[in-house]
Amino acid sequence: MLLRFHFTLLFFSLLGVSQAIAGNLKITPLGSHDGEFCSRDRALVFEDPNGLRVLYDAGLTVAGPEDKRLGKVDVVLVSHMHGDHVGAVHIPNVNSGECGKPAASVKALPNTNSVNIALAKKAKIVTGSEMPRFFANKLKALGGNPKDSLIVRFGASRKVGGVTITTVPAVHSNGIAGGMIGGELGKMLDAAGLTAYAGPPTGYVLTFSNGLVVYLSGDTGITAEQETVVRQHYQAKLAVMNIGGTYTNGPREAAFVVNELIKPNSVIASHANEAATKSGKIIAGTRTDTFIKASKVPVHVPLSGRTMEFDKEGICVKGCVQNKRNNE
């Protein structure tokens, strides 16, 4: 009887440890305006159940390394070198300007917001294509460690602190503007209307320690790899999908990707290029509204500063808001 009691106690203790290890993935949007989904919002912080924190596409809505919302940052991801993702400029503080037009008045060139954050936080920068060497040189020039710029190219993976990171193809462009290079070469490129080559843009697939696989689209259109690689091979359960149109997928194209190619259990809207919410509610007729209506899976709106939690199956279990509209 006593042995059975000890066995039962051990079983439940191990079960508790197992559940603690599994845990939930926390995702916190760092947008320009508290509680809203605004036109230039790209940045997300992923916190693994083991505590590792990954900043994705800091862009211009993270108010530099001093932004109190950042906290600890272990890894910085950059999908491509466009200023609204790597951070050519950034807001001086949260709620600067309007949701439709944030006041990104602080220049971050030639370093970029992403490099400044990685340097201050002593974080690794993980990228693919031809970007790693560029970031390594930036870190070195600023007194940082160039070895903190880590490469992971298509088809390969790199594990950092218990999180597996791989890059996947994105259909977009990936030029480095002259202002990011600086000096005479940078001026010549700008004068000629050219950019330096940084290799193909990327998306990411992240596998967290609780087993959850997340697809980060970066800026992309529809690609065959969204089915063959992201769904069939990596079996992503949660997607962060760009929906802004003109420069990337529009909302209907993004819905096709979600519904027919990736087929995740949940999706987070991203890169809407619009003031999508007012007082935290979806504005009727927006691209975000169109995407929500067209998606067959739950769409979670990344309201800035509101942490969402997802289980290993990509189901939101805490912090996600219902997709209510302002005309309801």
Protein backbone atom coordinates (compact mmCIF):
# COMPACT_ATOMS: atom_id res chain seq x y z
CA MET A 1 0.00 0.00 0.00
CA LEU A 2 2.80 2.36 0.94
CA LEU A 3 4.67 1.44 -2.25
CA ARG A 4 1.57 2.20 -4.32
CA PHE A 5 1.27 5.59 -2.60
CA HIS A 6 4.89 6.46 -3.41
CA PHE A 7 4.44 5.31 -7.01
CA THR A 8 1.33 7.47 -7.39
CA LEU A 9 3.13 10.44 -5.87
CA LEU A 10 6.07 9.94 -8.23
CA PHE A 11 3.73 9.64 -11.23
CA PHE A 12 1.99 12.92 -10.54
CA SER A 13 5.29 14.64 -9.78
CA LEU A 14 6.69 13.54 -13.13
CA LEU A 15 3.46 14.57 -14.85
CA GLY A 16 3.78 18.02 -13.33
CA VAL A 17 7.37 18.30 -14.52
CA SER A 18 6.36 17.17 -18.01
CA GLN A 19 3.60 19.75 -18.20
CA ALA A 20 5.93 22.46 -16.93
CA ILE A 21 8.46 21.56 -19.62
CA ALA A 22 5.76 21.57 -22.31
CA GLY A 23 4.28 24.89 -21.24
CA ASN A 24 2.89 27.49 -23.63
CA LEU A 25 4.56 29.79 -26.12
CA LYS A 26 4.03 33.46 -25.28
CA ILE A 27 3.82 35.98 -28.13
CA THR A 28 3.82 39.72 -27.47
CA PRO A 29 3.36 42.21 -30.34
CA LEU A 30 5.46 45.36 -30.04
CA GLY A 31 3.47 47.75 -32.21
CA SER A 32 3.46 51.51 -32.40
CA HIS A 33 0.32 52.10 -30.30
CA ASP A 34 -0.80 50.32 -27.14
CA GLY A 35 -3.71 47.93 -27.63
CA GLU A 36 -3.95 48.50 -31.40
CA PHE A 37 -2.89 46.84 -34.67
CA CYS A 38 -1.36 49.68 -36.68
CA SER A 39 0.03 50.35 -40.13
CA ARG A 40 3.72 49.69 -39.51
CA ASP A 41 3.43 46.90 -36.94
CA ARG A 42 5.76 43.97 -37.65
CA ALA A 43 7.62 43.24 -34.41
CA LEU A 44 6.78 40.24 -32.26
CA VAL A 45 8.55 38.78 -29.22
CA PHE A 46 8.33 35.00 -28.83
CA GLU A 47 9.03 33.64 -25.36
CA ASP A 48 9.75 29.94 -25.27
CA PRO A 49 8.51 27.96 -22.23
CA ASN A 50 12.19 27.66 -21.23
CA GLY A 51 12.51 31.46 -21.08
CA LEU A 52 14.42 32.09 -24.34
CA ARG A 53 13.14 35.29 -25.99
CA VAL A 54 13.20 35.84 -29.76
CA LEU A 55 12.57 39.25 -31.35
CA TYR A 56 11.23 39.02 -34.91
CA ASP A 57 11.55 41.98 -37.33
CA ALA A 58 12.02 44.86 -34.89
CA GLY A 59 11.24 47.35 -37.65
CA LEU A 60 10.31 50.88 -36.68
CA THR A 61 7.81 50.19 -33.88
CA VAL A 62 10.36 49.09 -31.28
CA ALA A 63 11.61 52.32 -29.71
CA GLY A 64 15.27 51.33 -29.85
CA PRO A 65 17.17 49.21 -27.32
CA GLU A 66 15.74 51.29 -24.46
CA ASP A 67 12.16 50.26 -25.22
CA LYS A 68 10.99 48.89 -21.86
CA ARG A 69 8.71 46.38 -23.57
CA LEU A 70 11.71 44.46 -24.92
CA GLY A 71 12.99 43.03 -21.66
CA LYS A 72 15.54 40.26 -22.20
CA VAL A 73 16.29 39.45 -25.83
CA ASP A 74 18.33 36.36 -26.71
CA VAL A 75 17.82 36.15 -30.46
CA VAL A 76 17.03 38.75 -33.13
CA LEU A 77 15.53 37.54 -36.41
CA VAL A 78 15.45 39.65 -39.58
CA SER A 79 13.43 38.40 -42.52
CA HIS A 80 14.91 40.86 -45.01
CA MET A 81 16.70 44.19 -45.25
CA HIS A 82 13.85 46.59 -45.99
CA GLY A 83 13.71 49.48 -43.56
CA ASP A 84 10.30 48.63 -42.12
CA HIS A 85 11.62 45.23 -41.01
CA VAL A 86 15.27 45.72 -40.09
CA GLY A 87 14.57 49.22 -38.78
CA ALA A 88 15.98 52.14 -40.76
CA VAL A 89 14.20 54.50 -38.35
CA HIS A 90 12.07 53.96 -35.28
CA ILE A 91 9.56 55.68 -33.04
CA PRO A 92 10.96 57.70 -30.11
CA ASN A 93 8.40 56.18 -27.77
CA VAL A 94 5.18 54.17 -27.83
CA ASN A 95 2.06 55.99 -29.10
CA SER A 96 4.05 58.52 -31.15
CA GLY A 97 2.03 59.89 -34.04
CA GLU A 98 -1.11 58.19 -35.30
CA CYS A 99 -1.93 54.51 -35.71
CA GLY A 100 -2.11 55.00 -39.46
CA LYS A 101 1.11 57.00 -39.52
CA PRO A 102 3.46 56.45 -36.56
CA ALA A 103 6.02 59.17 -35.94
CA ALA A 104 9.20 57.22 -36.68
CA SER A 105 11.54 60.15 -36.20
CA VAL A 106 14.65 58.48 -34.75
CA LYS A 107 17.26 57.54 -37.37
CA ALA A 108 18.97 54.18 -36.87
CA LEU A 109 21.23 54.18 -39.92
CA PRO A 110 23.76 53.02 -40.79
CA ASN A 111 23.48 50.57 -37.89
CA THR A 112 19.74 49.69 -38.10
CA ASN A 113 17.38 49.23 -35.17
CA SER A 114 17.91 45.45 -35.20
CA VAL A 115 21.70 45.74 -34.83
CA ASN A 116 21.42 48.37 -32.09
CA ILE A 117 19.06 46.12 -30.13
CA ALA A 118 21.19 43.00 -30.60
CA LEU A 119 24.30 44.89 -29.51
CA ALA A 120 22.67 46.37 -26.39
CA LYS A 121 21.01 43.08 -25.40
CA LYS A 122 24.04 40.92 -26.25
CA ALA A 123 21.73 38.87 -28.43
CA LYS A 124 22.46 36.64 -31.40
CA ILE A 125 21.32 37.82 -34.84
CA VAL A 126 20.15 34.80 -36.86
CA THR A 127 19.59 35.28 -40.61
CA GLY A 128 20.01 33.51 -43.93
CA SER A 129 20.98 34.41 -47.51
CA GLU A 130 23.83 36.95 -47.67
CA MET A 131 22.71 38.84 -44.58
CA PRO A 132 24.86 37.21 -41.83
CA ARG A 133 28.15 38.71 -42.99
CA PHE A 134 26.58 42.16 -43.27
CA PHE A 135 25.37 41.96 -39.68
CA ALA A 136 28.68 40.54 -38.48
CA ASN A 137 30.51 43.53 -39.91
CA LYS A 138 28.04 45.92 -38.30
CA LEU A 139 28.53 44.30 -34.90
CA LYS A 140 32.32 44.37 -35.28
CA ALA A 141 32.34 48.05 -36.27
CA LEU A 142 30.34 48.89 -33.14
CA GLY A 143 32.62 46.95 -30.80
CA GLY A 144 30.42 43.87 -30.65
CA ASN A 145 31.25 40.26 -31.42
CA PRO A 146 30.87 39.42 -35.13
CA LYS A 147 30.41 35.76 -34.15
CA ASP A 148 27.04 36.76 -32.70
CA SER A 149 25.76 36.94 -36.29
CA LEU A 150 24.71 33.37 -37.05
CA ILE A 151 23.81 31.89 -40.42
CA VAL A 152 21.06 29.42 -41.25
CA ARG A 153 20.35 28.93 -44.95
CA PHE A 154 17.49 27.20 -46.75
CA GLY A 155 17.11 23.54 -45.87
CA ALA A 156 19.25 23.71 -42.75
CA SER A 157 18.48 24.40 -39.10
CA ARG A 158 20.26 25.93 -36.13
CA LYS A 159 19.34 25.35 -32.51
CA VAL A 160 19.71 28.30 -30.15
CA GLY A 161 18.84 27.82 -26.49
CA GLY A 162 16.38 25.00 -27.15
CA VAL A 163 14.62 26.67 -30.11
CA THR A 164 15.27 25.29 -33.60
CA ILE A 165 15.43 27.94 -36.33
CA THR A 166 15.34 27.39 -40.07
CA THR A 167 14.84 29.71 -43.01
CA VAL A 168 12.32 29.06 -45.78
CA PRO A 169 11.86 30.83 -49.12
CA ALA A 170 9.90 34.06 -49.45
CA VAL A 171 8.97 35.74 -52.73
CA HIS A 172 9.94 39.39 -52.33
CA SER A 173 13.05 41.57 -52.77
CA ASN A 174 15.97 42.05 -50.39
CA GLY A 175 18.13 45.03 -51.28
CA ILE A 176 20.34 46.89 -48.79
CA ALA A 177 19.73 50.63 -49.13
CA GLY A 178 22.70 52.95 -49.43
CA GLY A 179 21.96 54.51 -46.06
CA MET A 180 22.61 51.17 -44.36
CA ILE A 181 26.02 50.97 -46.02
CA GLY A 182 27.11 54.55 -45.50
CA GLY A 183 30.14 56.31 -46.95
CA GLU A 184 30.70 57.05 -50.62
CA LEU A 185 29.47 53.64 -51.76
CA GLY A 186 26.17 54.19 -50.00
CA LYS A 187 25.81 57.65 -51.55
CA MET A 188 26.58 56.28 -55.02
CA LEU A 189 23.98 53.54 -54.68
CA ASP A 190 21.32 55.99 -53.55
CA ALA A 191 22.21 58.43 -56.34
CA ALA A 192 21.86 55.63 -58.90
CA GLY A 193 18.60 54.36 -57.42
CA LEU A 194 20.19 50.99 -56.69
CA THR A 195 20.53 48.73 -53.67
CA ALA A 196 23.19 46.22 -52.67
CA TYR A 197 22.39 42.53 -53.03
CA ALA A 198 21.57 40.65 -49.82
CA GLY A 199 20.44 37.37 -51.32
CA PRO A 200 16.85 36.11 -51.36
CA PRO A 201 14.48 37.25 -48.60
CA THR A 202 13.43 34.65 -46.07
CA GLY A 203 10.65 33.40 -43.91
CA TYR A 204 11.30 31.33 -40.81
CA VAL A 205 10.11 28.11 -39.25
CA LEU A 206 10.65 27.99 -35.49
CA THR A 207 10.27 24.83 -33.43
CA PHE A 208 9.87 25.66 -29.76
CA SER A 209 10.72 23.46 -26.78
CA ASN A 210 7.07 22.51 -26.21
CA GLY A 211 6.94 21.08 -29.75
CA LEU A 212 4.99 23.94 -31.33
CA VAL A 213 6.09 24.72 -34.91
CA VAL A 214 5.50 28.30 -36.07
CA TYR A 215 5.80 29.71 -39.59
CA LEU A 216 6.84 33.37 -39.96
CA SER A 217 6.10 34.49 -43.49
CA GLY A 218 8.28 37.60 -43.65
CA ASP A 219 7.21 39.53 -46.76
CA THR A 220 6.05 37.07 -49.39
CA GLY A 221 3.58 36.12 -52.05
CA ILE A 222 2.20 32.64 -52.61
CA THR A 223 4.92 29.99 -52.86
CA ALA A 224 4.85 26.24 -53.44
CA GLU A 225 7.10 25.81 -50.41
CA GLN A 226 4.29 26.94 -48.14
CA GLU A 227 2.69 23.56 -48.83
CA THR A 228 5.66 21.28 -49.46
CA VAL A 229 8.05 22.64 -46.85
CA VAL A 230 6.04 24.51 -44.24
CA ARG A 231 3.05 22.12 -44.05
CA GLN A 232 4.23 18.76 -45.33
CA HIS A 233 7.74 18.74 -43.90
CA TYR A 234 7.65 20.97 -40.81
CA GLN A 235 3.91 20.61 -40.09
CA ALA A 236 3.50 24.16 -38.78
CA LYS A 237 0.53 24.58 -36.45
CA LEU A 238 0.66 28.37 -36.10
CA ALA A 239 1.38 30.91 -38.86
CA VAL A 240 2.23 34.61 -38.78
CA MET A 241 0.98 35.81 -42.16
CA ASN A 242 1.54 39.06 -44.06
CA ILE A 243 -1.68 40.47 -45.53
CA GLY A 244 -0.88 44.02 -46.68
CA GLY A 245 -1.22 43.79 -50.47
CA THR A 246 0.74 45.62 -53.22
CA TYR A 247 4.14 44.73 -51.78
CA THR A 248 3.16 41.29 -50.45
CA ASN A 249 0.16 38.96 -50.27
CA GLY A 250 -3.13 40.73 -50.01
CA PRO A 251 -5.75 39.43 -47.57
CA ARG A 252 -7.38 37.05 -50.04
CA GLU A 253 -4.05 35.62 -51.20
CA ALA A 254 -3.00 35.24 -47.58
CA ALA A 255 -6.26 33.44 -46.81
CA PHE A 256 -5.59 31.04 -49.71
CA VAL A 257 -2.15 30.28 -48.26
CA VAL A 258 -3.65 29.60 -44.85
CA ASN A 259 -6.69 27.65 -46.05
CA GLU A 260 -5.18 25.58 -48.84
CA LEU A 261 -1.42 25.37 -48.39
CA ILE A 262 -0.30 25.60 -44.75
CA LYS A 263 -3.55 24.65 -43.01
CA PRO A 264 -2.42 25.66 -39.49
CA ASN A 265 -4.65 25.57 -36.44
CA SER A 266 -4.33 29.33 -35.91
CA VAL A 267 -2.93 32.37 -37.68
CA ILE A 268 -1.72 35.78 -36.54
CA ALA A 269 -2.27 38.61 -39.01
CA SER A 270 0.80 40.72 -39.79
CA HIS A 271 2.03 43.53 -42.01
CA ALA A 272 -1.45 44.91 -42.72
CA ASN A 273 -0.18 48.35 -43.81
CA GLU A 274 -3.24 50.01 -42.32
CA ALA A 275 -4.74 51.19 -39.07
CA ALA A 276 -6.65 47.93 -38.61
CA THR A 277 -8.20 48.59 -35.21
CA LYS A 278 -9.71 51.39 -33.18
CA SER A 279 -10.01 50.95 -29.41
CA GLY A 280 -8.80 47.40 -29.98
CA LYS A 281 -11.63 46.42 -32.32
CA ILE A 282 -11.33 45.59 -36.01
CA ILE A 283 -12.38 48.40 -38.33
CA ALA A 284 -14.96 47.13 -40.82
CA GLY A 285 -13.83 46.97 -44.43
CA THR A 286 -10.12 46.87 -43.67
CA ARG A 287 -7.74 44.31 -45.15
CA THR A 288 -7.57 42.72 -41.73
CA ASP A 289 -11.35 42.41 -41.66
CA THR A 290 -11.29 40.83 -45.13
CA PHE A 291 -8.63 38.34 -44.06
CA ILE A 292 -10.55 37.33 -40.95
CA LYS A 293 -13.70 36.69 -42.99
CA ALA A 294 -11.82 34.67 -45.63
CA SER A 295 -9.77 32.51 -43.26
CA LYS A 296 -11.09 29.09 -42.29
CA VAL A 297 -9.00 29.03 -39.10
CA PRO A 298 -9.04 31.43 -36.15
CA VAL A 299 -7.28 34.72 -36.90
CA HIS A 300 -5.65 36.40 -33.92
CA VAL A 301 -5.07 40.14 -34.17
CA PRO A 302 -1.72 41.26 -32.70
CA LEU A 303 -2.78 44.09 -30.43
CA SER A 304 0.36 45.83 -29.26
CA GLY A 305 1.46 44.91 -25.76
CA ARG A 306 -1.16 42.15 -25.35
CA THR A 307 0.54 38.80 -24.74
CA MET A 308 -1.03 35.73 -26.33
CA GLU A 309 -0.27 32.17 -25.26
CA PHE A 310 -0.37 29.13 -27.55
CA ASP A 311 -0.16 25.44 -26.70
CA LYS A 312 1.88 22.89 -28.64
CA GLU A 313 -0.95 22.49 -31.18
CA GLY A 314 -1.03 26.19 -32.00
CA ILE A 315 -4.29 26.83 -30.18
CA CYS A 316 -4.54 30.12 -28.33
CA VAL A 317 -5.24 29.38 -24.68
CA LYS A 318 -4.83 32.83 -23.17
CA GLY A 319 -4.77 36.51 -24.12
CA CYS A 320 -6.36 36.32 -27.57
CA VAL A 321 -9.29 38.62 -28.28
CA GLN A 322 -12.39 37.78 -30.25
CA ASN A 323 -12.49 39.29 -33.73
CA LYS A 324 -15.19 41.88 -33.04
CA ARG A 325 -15.66 44.82 -35.41
CA ASN A 326 -16.37 48.45 -34.65
CA ASN A 327 -19.70 48.39 -36.49
CA GLU A 328 -21.12 45.55 -34.38
